[in-house]
Amino acid sequence: MKRNLIAAAAAAAFVAALGLSAQAGNIVDDWASVKTPSAPVLKAVSVDNKTNALLVIDMVNQTCNPQARPRCVETIPAVQKLISDARAKSMTVIYSLGPTGNIPDILAVLAPKNGEPIVKSGPD
């Protein structure tokens, strides 16, 4: 009995979901009516070098190159400065790689130093 009630509830939820998706338009049909949010208000923040860290995420040769992501390449000088400033203030700098990434994949100009931690993970 309990199993039948669970199955019936699951079936009802599935049917309801199908009905909602059938009523929803697709993004192309709705394109003209989509409103972008306003730009966020920028405000000063304080960073505690002892309890905050700088995360350098996936700055690797395979994706941050002129062919794959030219805009990423444009950010390299700014990322370099962030890393340099963080190190100068003894802030922890942590590098992130995808699950198949390796240390040599990190852009040479942004490479980890002095045993800085490197985390390998998939998207989360």
N, C-alpha and C. Protein backbone atom coordinates (compact mmCIF):
# COMPACT_ATOMS: atom_id res chain seq x y z
N MET A 1 0.82 -1.19 0.00
CA MET A 1 0.00 0.00 0.00
C MET A 1 0.87 1.26 0.00
N LYS A 2 1.85 1.28 0.94
CA LYS A 2 2.72 2.44 1.04
C LYS A 2 3.53 2.60 -0.25
N ARG A 3 3.98 1.49 -0.82
CA ARG A 3 4.75 1.52 -2.06
C ARG A 3 3.90 2.08 -3.20
N ASN A 4 2.62 1.71 -3.25
CA ASN A 4 1.72 2.22 -4.28
C ASN A 4 1.51 3.72 -4.14
N LEU A 5 1.40 4.21 -2.91
CA LEU A 5 1.24 5.64 -2.68
C LEU A 5 2.47 6.42 -3.14
N ILE A 6 3.65 5.88 -2.85
CA ILE A 6 4.89 6.53 -3.27
C ILE A 6 4.98 6.55 -4.79
N ALA A 7 4.65 5.44 -5.42
CA ALA A 7 4.68 5.36 -6.89
C ALA A 7 3.68 6.34 -7.49
N ALA A 8 2.48 6.44 -6.90
CA ALA A 8 1.46 7.36 -7.42
C ALA A 8 1.92 8.81 -7.26
N ALA A 9 2.53 9.13 -6.14
CA ALA A 9 3.02 10.49 -5.92
C ALA A 9 4.13 10.83 -6.91
N ALA A 10 5.03 9.89 -7.16
CA ALA A 10 6.11 10.12 -8.12
C ALA A 10 5.54 10.31 -9.53
N ALA A 11 4.56 9.50 -9.88
CA ALA A 11 3.94 9.62 -11.21
C ALA A 11 3.23 10.96 -11.35
N ALA A 12 2.56 11.41 -10.32
CA ALA A 12 1.87 12.69 -10.37
C ALA A 12 2.86 13.84 -10.53
N ALA A 13 3.97 13.77 -9.82
CA ALA A 13 5.00 14.81 -9.93
C ALA A 13 5.59 14.83 -11.33
N PHE A 14 5.80 13.66 -11.91
CA PHE A 14 6.35 13.57 -13.26
C PHE A 14 5.38 14.17 -14.28
N VAL A 15 4.12 13.85 -14.17
CA VAL A 15 3.11 14.38 -15.09
C VAL A 15 3.01 15.90 -14.93
N ALA A 16 3.06 16.38 -13.71
CA ALA A 16 3.00 17.83 -13.48
C ALA A 16 4.21 18.52 -14.12
N ALA A 17 5.38 17.91 -13.99
CA ALA A 17 6.59 18.49 -14.58
C ALA A 17 6.49 18.52 -16.10
N LEU A 18 5.93 17.47 -16.68
CA LEU A 18 5.76 17.44 -18.14
C LEU A 18 4.82 18.56 -18.57
N GLY A 19 3.78 18.78 -17.82
CA GLY A 19 2.83 19.83 -18.16
C GLY A 19 3.46 21.21 -18.09
N LEU A 20 4.30 21.45 -17.09
CA LEU A 20 4.96 22.75 -16.97
C LEU A 20 5.92 22.98 -18.11
N SER A 21 6.71 21.94 -18.46
CA SER A 21 7.69 22.14 -19.52
C SER A 21 7.01 22.32 -20.87
N ALA A 22 5.83 21.74 -21.04
CA ALA A 22 5.11 21.90 -22.30
C ALA A 22 4.58 23.32 -22.45
N GLN A 23 4.26 23.98 -21.32
CA GLN A 23 3.75 25.34 -21.37
C GLN A 23 4.86 26.38 -21.52
N ALA A 24 6.05 26.05 -21.06
CA ALA A 24 7.14 27.02 -21.10
C ALA A 24 7.63 27.20 -22.53
N GLY A 25 7.95 28.45 -22.92
CA GLY A 25 8.53 28.71 -24.23
C GLY A 25 10.00 28.36 -24.20
N ASN A 26 10.62 28.42 -25.35
CA ASN A 26 12.06 28.20 -25.36
C ASN A 26 12.76 29.55 -25.34
N ILE A 27 14.05 29.54 -25.11
CA ILE A 27 14.78 30.79 -24.93
C ILE A 27 14.74 31.67 -26.18
N VAL A 28 14.73 31.07 -27.36
CA VAL A 28 14.69 31.85 -28.59
C VAL A 28 13.36 32.59 -28.70
N ASP A 29 12.27 31.90 -28.38
CA ASP A 29 10.95 32.53 -28.42
C ASP A 29 10.83 33.67 -27.41
N ASP A 30 11.48 33.51 -26.26
CA ASP A 30 11.39 34.49 -25.18
C ASP A 30 12.50 35.53 -25.21
N TRP A 31 13.39 35.46 -26.18
CA TRP A 31 14.60 36.29 -26.20
C TRP A 31 14.31 37.79 -26.05
N ALA A 32 13.38 38.29 -26.81
CA ALA A 32 13.10 39.72 -26.80
C ALA A 32 12.52 40.20 -25.47
N SER A 33 11.90 39.32 -24.71
CA SER A 33 11.28 39.74 -23.46
C SER A 33 12.18 39.56 -22.24
N VAL A 34 13.34 38.97 -22.43
CA VAL A 34 14.24 38.75 -21.30
C VAL A 34 14.91 40.06 -20.92
N LYS A 35 14.84 40.41 -19.67
CA LYS A 35 15.45 41.65 -19.16
C LYS A 35 16.69 41.29 -18.35
N THR A 36 17.80 41.92 -18.69
CA THR A 36 19.02 41.67 -17.93
C THR A 36 18.97 42.46 -16.63
N PRO A 37 19.58 41.92 -15.59
CA PRO A 37 19.60 42.66 -14.33
C PRO A 37 20.53 43.86 -14.44
N SER A 38 20.31 44.84 -13.58
CA SER A 38 21.19 46.00 -13.58
C SER A 38 22.55 45.60 -13.01
N ALA A 39 23.55 46.40 -13.32
CA ALA A 39 24.90 46.12 -12.82
C ALA A 39 24.90 46.20 -11.30
N PRO A 40 25.70 45.36 -10.66
CA PRO A 40 25.75 45.43 -9.19
C PRO A 40 26.44 46.70 -8.74
N VAL A 41 26.09 47.14 -7.56
CA VAL A 41 26.73 48.31 -6.97
C VAL A 41 28.08 47.85 -6.39
N LEU A 42 29.14 48.51 -6.80
CA LEU A 42 30.47 48.18 -6.29
C LEU A 42 30.66 48.86 -4.95
N LYS A 43 31.24 48.14 -4.02
CA LYS A 43 31.50 48.73 -2.71
C LYS A 43 32.80 48.16 -2.16
N ALA A 44 33.41 48.91 -1.29
CA ALA A 44 34.67 48.49 -0.69
C ALA A 44 34.45 47.30 0.23
N VAL A 45 35.41 46.42 0.26
CA VAL A 45 35.38 45.28 1.18
C VAL A 45 36.72 45.21 1.89
N SER A 46 36.74 44.55 3.01
CA SER A 46 38.01 44.33 3.70
C SER A 46 38.33 42.85 3.64
N VAL A 47 39.59 42.55 3.50
CA VAL A 47 40.04 41.17 3.38
C VAL A 47 41.04 40.91 4.50
N ASP A 48 40.81 39.85 5.25
CA ASP A 48 41.73 39.45 6.31
C ASP A 48 42.69 38.44 5.70
N ASN A 49 43.94 38.81 5.57
CA ASN A 49 44.94 37.95 4.93
C ASN A 49 45.14 36.62 5.65
N LYS A 50 44.76 36.56 6.91
CA LYS A 50 44.96 35.33 7.68
C LYS A 50 43.80 34.35 7.53
N THR A 51 42.61 34.85 7.22
CA THR A 51 41.46 33.95 7.15
C THR A 51 40.86 33.86 5.75
N ASN A 52 41.35 34.66 4.80
CA ASN A 52 40.88 34.61 3.42
C ASN A 52 41.98 34.05 2.55
N ALA A 53 41.61 33.55 1.38
CA ALA A 53 42.59 33.02 0.44
C ALA A 53 42.24 33.50 -0.95
N LEU A 54 43.24 33.53 -1.81
CA LEU A 54 43.03 33.84 -3.22
C LEU A 54 42.97 32.51 -3.96
N LEU A 55 41.88 32.29 -4.69
CA LEU A 55 41.72 31.07 -5.47
C LEU A 55 42.04 31.37 -6.92
N VAL A 56 42.99 30.64 -7.48
CA VAL A 56 43.37 30.78 -8.88
C VAL A 56 42.77 29.55 -9.57
N ILE A 57 41.66 29.77 -10.28
CA ILE A 57 40.85 28.66 -10.77
C ILE A 57 41.06 28.41 -12.26
N ASP A 58 41.56 27.23 -12.58
CA ASP A 58 41.66 26.73 -13.95
C ASP A 58 42.35 27.67 -14.93
N MET A 59 43.41 28.31 -14.51
CA MET A 59 44.20 29.16 -15.41
C MET A 59 45.24 28.26 -16.08
N VAL A 60 44.76 27.49 -17.06
CA VAL A 60 45.61 26.48 -17.69
C VAL A 60 45.74 26.72 -19.19
N ASN A 61 46.83 26.18 -19.74
CA ASN A 61 47.14 26.35 -21.16
C ASN A 61 46.01 25.86 -22.08
N GLN A 62 45.34 24.79 -21.71
CA GLN A 62 44.32 24.21 -22.58
C GLN A 62 43.13 25.12 -22.81
N THR A 63 42.79 25.94 -21.83
CA THR A 63 41.60 26.78 -21.99
C THR A 63 41.88 28.27 -22.00
N CYS A 64 42.96 28.71 -21.40
CA CYS A 64 43.27 30.13 -21.37
C CYS A 64 44.34 30.42 -22.43
N ASN A 65 43.88 30.47 -23.67
CA ASN A 65 44.78 30.71 -24.80
C ASN A 65 44.02 31.52 -25.84
N PRO A 66 44.73 32.14 -26.79
CA PRO A 66 44.06 33.01 -27.76
C PRO A 66 43.01 32.31 -28.62
N GLN A 67 43.17 31.03 -28.87
CA GLN A 67 42.21 30.32 -29.71
C GLN A 67 40.95 29.94 -28.93
N ALA A 68 41.10 29.42 -27.74
CA ALA A 68 39.95 28.94 -26.98
C ALA A 68 39.22 30.06 -26.25
N ARG A 69 39.96 30.94 -25.58
CA ARG A 69 39.33 31.98 -24.76
C ARG A 69 40.20 33.24 -24.75
N PRO A 70 40.15 34.02 -25.80
CA PRO A 70 40.99 35.22 -25.85
C PRO A 70 40.73 36.19 -24.69
N ARG A 71 39.51 36.25 -24.20
CA ARG A 71 39.23 37.15 -23.08
C ARG A 71 39.94 36.69 -21.82
N CYS A 72 40.14 35.39 -21.68
CA CYS A 72 40.91 34.88 -20.54
C CYS A 72 42.34 35.39 -20.61
N VAL A 73 42.92 35.33 -21.81
CA VAL A 73 44.30 35.79 -21.99
C VAL A 73 44.43 37.25 -21.57
N GLU A 74 43.42 38.05 -21.87
CA GLU A 74 43.44 39.46 -21.50
C GLU A 74 43.46 39.68 -19.98
N THR A 75 43.00 38.70 -19.21
CA THR A 75 42.96 38.85 -17.75
C THR A 75 44.29 38.47 -17.07
N ILE A 76 45.20 37.85 -17.81
CA ILE A 76 46.42 37.34 -17.19
C ILE A 76 47.19 38.41 -16.42
N PRO A 77 47.43 39.61 -16.96
CA PRO A 77 48.15 40.61 -16.17
C PRO A 77 47.46 40.95 -14.84
N ALA A 78 46.14 41.05 -14.86
CA ALA A 78 45.40 41.36 -13.63
C ALA A 78 45.50 40.21 -12.63
N VAL A 79 45.41 38.98 -13.12
CA VAL A 79 45.53 37.81 -12.23
C VAL A 79 46.95 37.75 -11.67
N GLN A 80 47.93 38.04 -12.51
CA GLN A 80 49.33 38.08 -12.05
C GLN A 80 49.49 39.08 -10.90
N LYS A 81 48.89 40.26 -11.05
CA LYS A 81 48.98 41.28 -10.00
C LYS A 81 48.28 40.82 -8.72
N LEU A 82 47.11 40.21 -8.87
CA LEU A 82 46.40 39.69 -7.68
C LEU A 82 47.26 38.68 -6.93
N ILE A 83 47.86 37.76 -7.66
CA ILE A 83 48.71 36.74 -7.03
C ILE A 83 49.91 37.40 -6.34
N SER A 84 50.54 38.32 -7.04
CA SER A 84 51.71 39.02 -6.48
C SER A 84 51.34 39.78 -5.21
N ASP A 85 50.22 40.50 -5.25
CA ASP A 85 49.77 41.25 -4.08
C ASP A 85 49.43 40.31 -2.93
N ALA A 86 48.76 39.21 -3.22
CA ALA A 86 48.39 38.26 -2.17
C ALA A 86 49.65 37.67 -1.52
N ARG A 87 50.62 37.28 -2.33
CA ARG A 87 51.86 36.72 -1.79
C ARG A 87 52.60 37.76 -0.95
N ALA A 88 52.62 39.00 -1.41
CA ALA A 88 53.32 40.06 -0.68
C ALA A 88 52.71 40.29 0.70
N LYS A 89 51.42 39.97 0.83
CA LYS A 89 50.73 40.16 2.11
C LYS A 89 50.56 38.85 2.88
N SER A 90 51.31 37.82 2.44
CA SER A 90 51.29 36.50 3.10
C SER A 90 49.91 35.86 3.10
N MET A 91 49.11 36.15 2.09
CA MET A 91 47.80 35.52 1.96
C MET A 91 47.99 34.14 1.32
N THR A 92 47.17 33.21 1.70
CA THR A 92 47.21 31.88 1.09
C THR A 92 46.71 31.97 -0.34
N VAL A 93 47.47 31.37 -1.26
CA VAL A 93 47.08 31.30 -2.66
C VAL A 93 46.86 29.83 -2.97
N ILE A 94 45.68 29.48 -3.45
CA ILE A 94 45.31 28.10 -3.74
C ILE A 94 44.98 27.99 -5.22
N TYR A 95 45.52 26.98 -5.86
CA TYR A 95 45.27 26.75 -7.29
C TYR A 95 44.27 25.62 -7.46
N SER A 96 43.46 25.73 -8.50
CA SER A 96 42.46 24.72 -8.82
C SER A 96 42.71 24.19 -10.22
N LEU A 97 42.62 22.88 -10.36
CA LEU A 97 42.72 22.21 -11.66
C LEU A 97 41.52 21.29 -11.82
N GLY A 98 41.12 21.07 -13.06
CA GLY A 98 40.09 20.08 -13.32
C GLY A 98 40.62 18.70 -13.01
N PRO A 99 39.76 17.68 -13.03
CA PRO A 99 40.16 16.34 -12.63
C PRO A 99 41.28 15.74 -13.48
N THR A 100 41.42 16.19 -14.72
CA THR A 100 42.49 15.65 -15.58
C THR A 100 43.67 16.60 -15.70
N GLY A 101 43.61 17.74 -15.02
CA GLY A 101 44.68 18.73 -15.10
C GLY A 101 45.91 18.31 -14.34
N ASN A 102 47.05 18.87 -14.75
CA ASN A 102 48.33 18.62 -14.10
C ASN A 102 49.04 19.95 -13.86
N ILE A 103 49.95 19.96 -12.91
CA ILE A 103 50.65 21.19 -12.55
C ILE A 103 51.28 21.87 -13.76
N PRO A 104 51.94 21.14 -14.68
CA PRO A 104 52.53 21.83 -15.84
C PRO A 104 51.49 22.51 -16.75
N ASP A 105 50.21 22.17 -16.60
CA ASP A 105 49.16 22.81 -17.40
C ASP A 105 48.90 24.25 -16.97
N ILE A 106 49.25 24.60 -15.73
CA ILE A 106 49.02 25.96 -15.24
C ILE A 106 49.90 26.92 -16.04
N LEU A 107 49.34 28.05 -16.44
CA LEU A 107 50.10 29.04 -17.19
C LEU A 107 51.38 29.38 -16.44
N ALA A 108 52.50 29.34 -17.14
CA ALA A 108 53.81 29.53 -16.50
C ALA A 108 53.89 30.85 -15.73
N VAL A 109 53.31 31.92 -16.28
CA VAL A 109 53.39 33.23 -15.61
C VAL A 109 52.55 33.29 -14.33
N LEU A 110 51.69 32.30 -14.13
CA LEU A 110 50.83 32.27 -12.94
C LEU A 110 51.14 31.06 -12.05
N ALA A 111 52.20 30.37 -12.32
CA ALA A 111 52.51 29.09 -11.66
C ALA A 111 52.62 29.22 -10.14
N PRO A 112 52.21 28.15 -9.44
CA PRO A 112 52.33 28.13 -7.98
C PRO A 112 53.80 28.17 -7.55
N LYS A 113 54.03 28.73 -6.37
CA LYS A 113 55.37 28.81 -5.80
C LYS A 113 55.34 28.33 -4.36
N ASN A 114 56.50 27.93 -3.88
CA ASN A 114 56.70 27.63 -2.46
C ASN A 114 55.66 26.69 -1.87
N GLY A 115 55.31 25.64 -2.59
CA GLY A 115 54.39 24.66 -2.05
C GLY A 115 52.95 25.13 -1.91
N GLU A 116 52.55 26.15 -2.68
CA GLU A 116 51.16 26.59 -2.61
C GLU A 116 50.25 25.42 -2.98
N PRO A 117 49.14 25.27 -2.29
CA PRO A 117 48.27 24.11 -2.52
C PRO A 117 47.60 24.12 -3.89
N ILE A 118 47.42 22.91 -4.42
CA ILE A 118 46.74 22.72 -5.70
C ILE A 118 45.64 21.70 -5.47
N VAL A 119 44.43 22.05 -5.85
CA VAL A 119 43.28 21.18 -5.67
C VAL A 119 42.82 20.69 -7.03
N LYS A 120 42.58 19.38 -7.16
CA LYS A 120 42.02 18.83 -8.39
C LYS A 120 40.59 18.40 -8.10
N SER A 121 39.66 18.89 -8.94
CA SER A 121 38.26 18.56 -8.70
C SER A 121 37.47 18.76 -9.97
N GLY A 122 36.33 18.12 -10.04
CA GLY A 122 35.39 18.35 -11.12
C GLY A 122 34.51 19.52 -10.76
N PRO A 123 33.58 19.88 -11.66
CA PRO A 123 32.68 20.99 -11.35
C PRO A 123 31.82 20.66 -10.13
N ASP A 124 31.56 21.68 -9.34
CA ASP A 124 30.72 21.46 -8.16
C ASP A 124 29.86 22.66 -7.88
